[in-house]
Amino acid sequence: LEEMAGTPELSISGSRVLDVLTSLCSLYGSQFREILFGSDAVSSGAVLNNAIVLLNNAPVRYNVLEAPLAEGDVLSLMPIFEDE
């Protein structure tokens, strides 16, 4: 994801994880979206099952997309790749 974004870190505002991920998908396109969500579209209520989300270095396990964010929170994304 860092390679696609061209930076290891950026600031994006949003009140919940889904807001930030939607902004990232808009910025970086369909390939970025597919890495995070698979072939499902974000707007279809897709489940984030291709990435691990850390919020302030702690994993978000339940209702990850609806997890609230506050100013200064750090959201980290780690894609899950399957061995082929």
C-alpha atoms as a PDB file:
ATOM      1  CA  LEU A   1       0.000   0.000   0.000  1.00  0.00           C
ATOM      2  CA  GLU A   2       2.886   2.331   0.746  1.00  0.00           C
ATOM      3  CA  GLU A   3       4.204   1.803  -2.777  1.00  0.00           C
ATOM      4  CA  MET A   4       0.839   2.662  -4.313  1.00  0.00           C
ATOM      5  CA  ALA A   5       0.433   5.752  -2.144  1.00  0.00           C
ATOM      6  CA  GLY A   6       4.018   6.853  -2.712  1.00  0.00           C
ATOM      7  CA  THR A   7       4.422   7.619   0.979  1.00  0.00           C
ATOM      8  CA  PRO A   8       4.504   5.654   4.245  1.00  0.00           C
ATOM      9  CA  GLU A   9       2.278   8.189   5.988  1.00  0.00           C
ATOM     10  CA  LEU A  10      -0.410  10.749   5.198  1.00  0.00           C
ATOM     11  CA  SER A  11      -3.129  12.694   6.987  1.00  0.00           C
ATOM     12  CA  ILE A  12      -6.782  12.163   6.099  1.00  0.00           C
ATOM     13  CA  SER A  13      -9.747  13.252   8.157  1.00  0.00           C
ATOM     14  CA  GLY A  14     -12.775  11.100   8.861  1.00  0.00           C
ATOM     15  CA  SER A  15     -15.022  10.280  11.782  1.00  0.00           C
ATOM     16  CA  ARG A  16     -14.728   6.503  11.343  1.00  0.00           C
ATOM     17  CA  VAL A  17     -12.460   3.953   9.678  1.00  0.00           C
ATOM     18  CA  LEU A  18     -14.789   3.563   6.666  1.00  0.00           C
ATOM     19  CA  ASP A  19     -14.598   7.310   5.938  1.00  0.00           C
ATOM     20  CA  VAL A  20     -10.802   7.184   5.787  1.00  0.00           C
ATOM     21  CA  LEU A  21     -10.731   4.012   3.689  1.00  0.00           C
ATOM     22  CA  THR A  22     -13.265   5.483   1.256  1.00  0.00           C
ATOM     23  CA  SER A  23     -11.072   8.570   0.882  1.00  0.00           C
ATOM     24  CA  LEU A  24      -8.000   6.408   0.290  1.00  0.00           C
ATOM     25  CA  CYS A  25      -9.828   4.354  -2.342  1.00  0.00           C
ATOM     26  CA  SER A  26     -10.901   7.564  -4.083  1.00  0.00           C
ATOM     27  CA  LEU A  27      -7.324   8.835  -4.056  1.00  0.00           C
ATOM     28  CA  TYR A  28      -5.588   5.632  -5.149  1.00  0.00           C
ATOM     29  CA  GLY A  29      -8.194   3.894  -7.290  1.00  0.00           C
ATOM     30  CA  SER A  30      -9.675   0.496  -7.903  1.00  0.00           C
ATOM     31  CA  GLN A  31      -6.478  -1.498  -7.414  1.00  0.00           C
ATOM     32  CA  PHE A  32      -6.066  -0.021  -3.934  1.00  0.00           C
ATOM     33  CA  ARG A  33      -9.737  -0.799  -3.174  1.00  0.00           C
ATOM     34  CA  GLU A  34      -9.354  -4.351  -4.398  1.00  0.00           C
ATOM     35  CA  ILE A  35      -6.323  -4.943  -2.162  1.00  0.00           C
ATOM     36  CA  LEU A  36      -8.341  -3.865   0.888  1.00  0.00           C
ATOM     37  CA  PHE A  37     -11.796  -5.210   0.075  1.00  0.00           C
ATOM     38  CA  GLY A  38     -11.327  -7.843  -2.604  1.00  0.00           C
ATOM     39  CA  SER A  39     -13.644  -7.584  -5.588  1.00  0.00           C
ATOM     40  CA  ASP A  40     -16.479  -6.123  -3.458  1.00  0.00           C
ATOM     41  CA  ALA A  41     -17.159  -2.411  -3.715  1.00  0.00           C
ATOM     42  CA  VAL A  42     -16.857  -0.304  -0.567  1.00  0.00           C
ATOM     43  CA  SER A  43     -20.367   1.061  -1.104  1.00  0.00           C
ATOM     44  CA  SER A  44     -21.898  -2.428  -1.182  1.00  0.00           C
ATOM     45  CA  GLY A  45     -21.233  -2.920   2.521  1.00  0.00           C
ATOM     46  CA  ALA A  46     -18.110  -4.944   1.884  1.00  0.00           C
ATOM     47  CA  VAL A  47     -16.288  -6.482   4.785  1.00  0.00           C
ATOM     48  CA  LEU A  48     -12.659  -5.547   5.153  1.00  0.00           C
ATOM     49  CA  ASN A  49     -11.232  -9.057   5.067  1.00  0.00           C
ATOM     50  CA  ASN A  50      -8.046  -8.475   3.071  1.00  0.00           C
ATOM     51  CA  ALA A  51      -6.342  -6.183   5.570  1.00  0.00           C
ATOM     52  CA  ILE A  52      -5.626  -5.825   9.247  1.00  0.00           C
ATOM     53  CA  VAL A  53      -6.468  -2.448  10.750  1.00  0.00           C
ATOM     54  CA  LEU A  54      -4.539  -1.062  13.698  1.00  0.00           C
ATOM     55  CA  LEU A  55      -5.889   1.962  15.524  1.00  0.00           C
ATOM     56  CA  ASN A  56      -3.208   3.581  17.674  1.00  0.00           C
ATOM     57  CA  ASN A  57      -1.185   0.334  17.385  1.00  0.00           C
ATOM     58  CA  ALA A  58      -4.043  -1.865  18.634  1.00  0.00           C
ATOM     59  CA  PRO A  59      -5.968  -4.224  16.314  1.00  0.00           C
ATOM     60  CA  VAL A  60      -9.566  -3.320  15.550  1.00  0.00           C
ATOM     61  CA  ARG A  61     -11.448  -6.606  15.677  1.00  0.00           C
ATOM     62  CA  TYR A  62     -15.178  -5.874  15.755  1.00  0.00           C
ATOM     63  CA  ASN A  63     -17.122  -3.539  13.481  1.00  0.00           C
ATOM     64  CA  VAL A  64     -13.820  -2.373  12.042  1.00  0.00           C
ATOM     65  CA  LEU A  65     -15.409  -0.150   9.394  1.00  0.00           C
ATOM     66  CA  GLU A  66     -17.590   1.637  11.946  1.00  0.00           C
ATOM     67  CA  ALA A  67     -14.802   2.158  14.491  1.00  0.00           C
ATOM     68  CA  PRO A  68     -14.831   5.829  15.495  1.00  0.00           C
ATOM     69  CA  LEU A  69     -11.793   8.026  14.965  1.00  0.00           C
ATOM     70  CA  ALA A  70     -10.691  11.070  16.931  1.00  0.00           C
ATOM     71  CA  GLU A  71      -8.277  13.791  15.919  1.00  0.00           C
ATOM     72  CA  GLY A  72      -4.728  12.531  16.312  1.00  0.00           C
ATOM     73  CA  ASP A  73      -5.610   8.832  15.977  1.00  0.00           C
ATOM     74  CA  VAL A  74      -3.204   6.771  13.905  1.00  0.00           C
ATOM     75  CA  LEU A  75      -4.742   4.241  11.536  1.00  0.00           C
ATOM     76  CA  SER A  76      -2.389   1.597  10.133  1.00  0.00           C
ATOM     77  CA  LEU A  77      -3.301  -0.803   7.322  1.00  0.00           C
ATOM     78  CA  MET A  78      -1.580  -4.114   6.717  1.00  0.00           C
ATOM     79  CA  PRO A  79      -2.789  -6.037   3.652  1.00  0.00           C
ATOM     80  CA  ILE A  80      -3.141  -9.799   3.888  1.00  0.00           C
ATOM     81  CA  PHE A  81      -1.711 -11.653   0.909  1.00  0.00           C
ATOM     82  CA  GLU A  82      -2.404 -15.291   0.232  1.00  0.00           C
ATOM     83  CA  ASP A  83       0.334 -17.617  -0.947  1.00  0.00           C
ATOM     84  CA  GLU A  84      -0.323 -18.733  -4.480  1.00  0.00           C
END
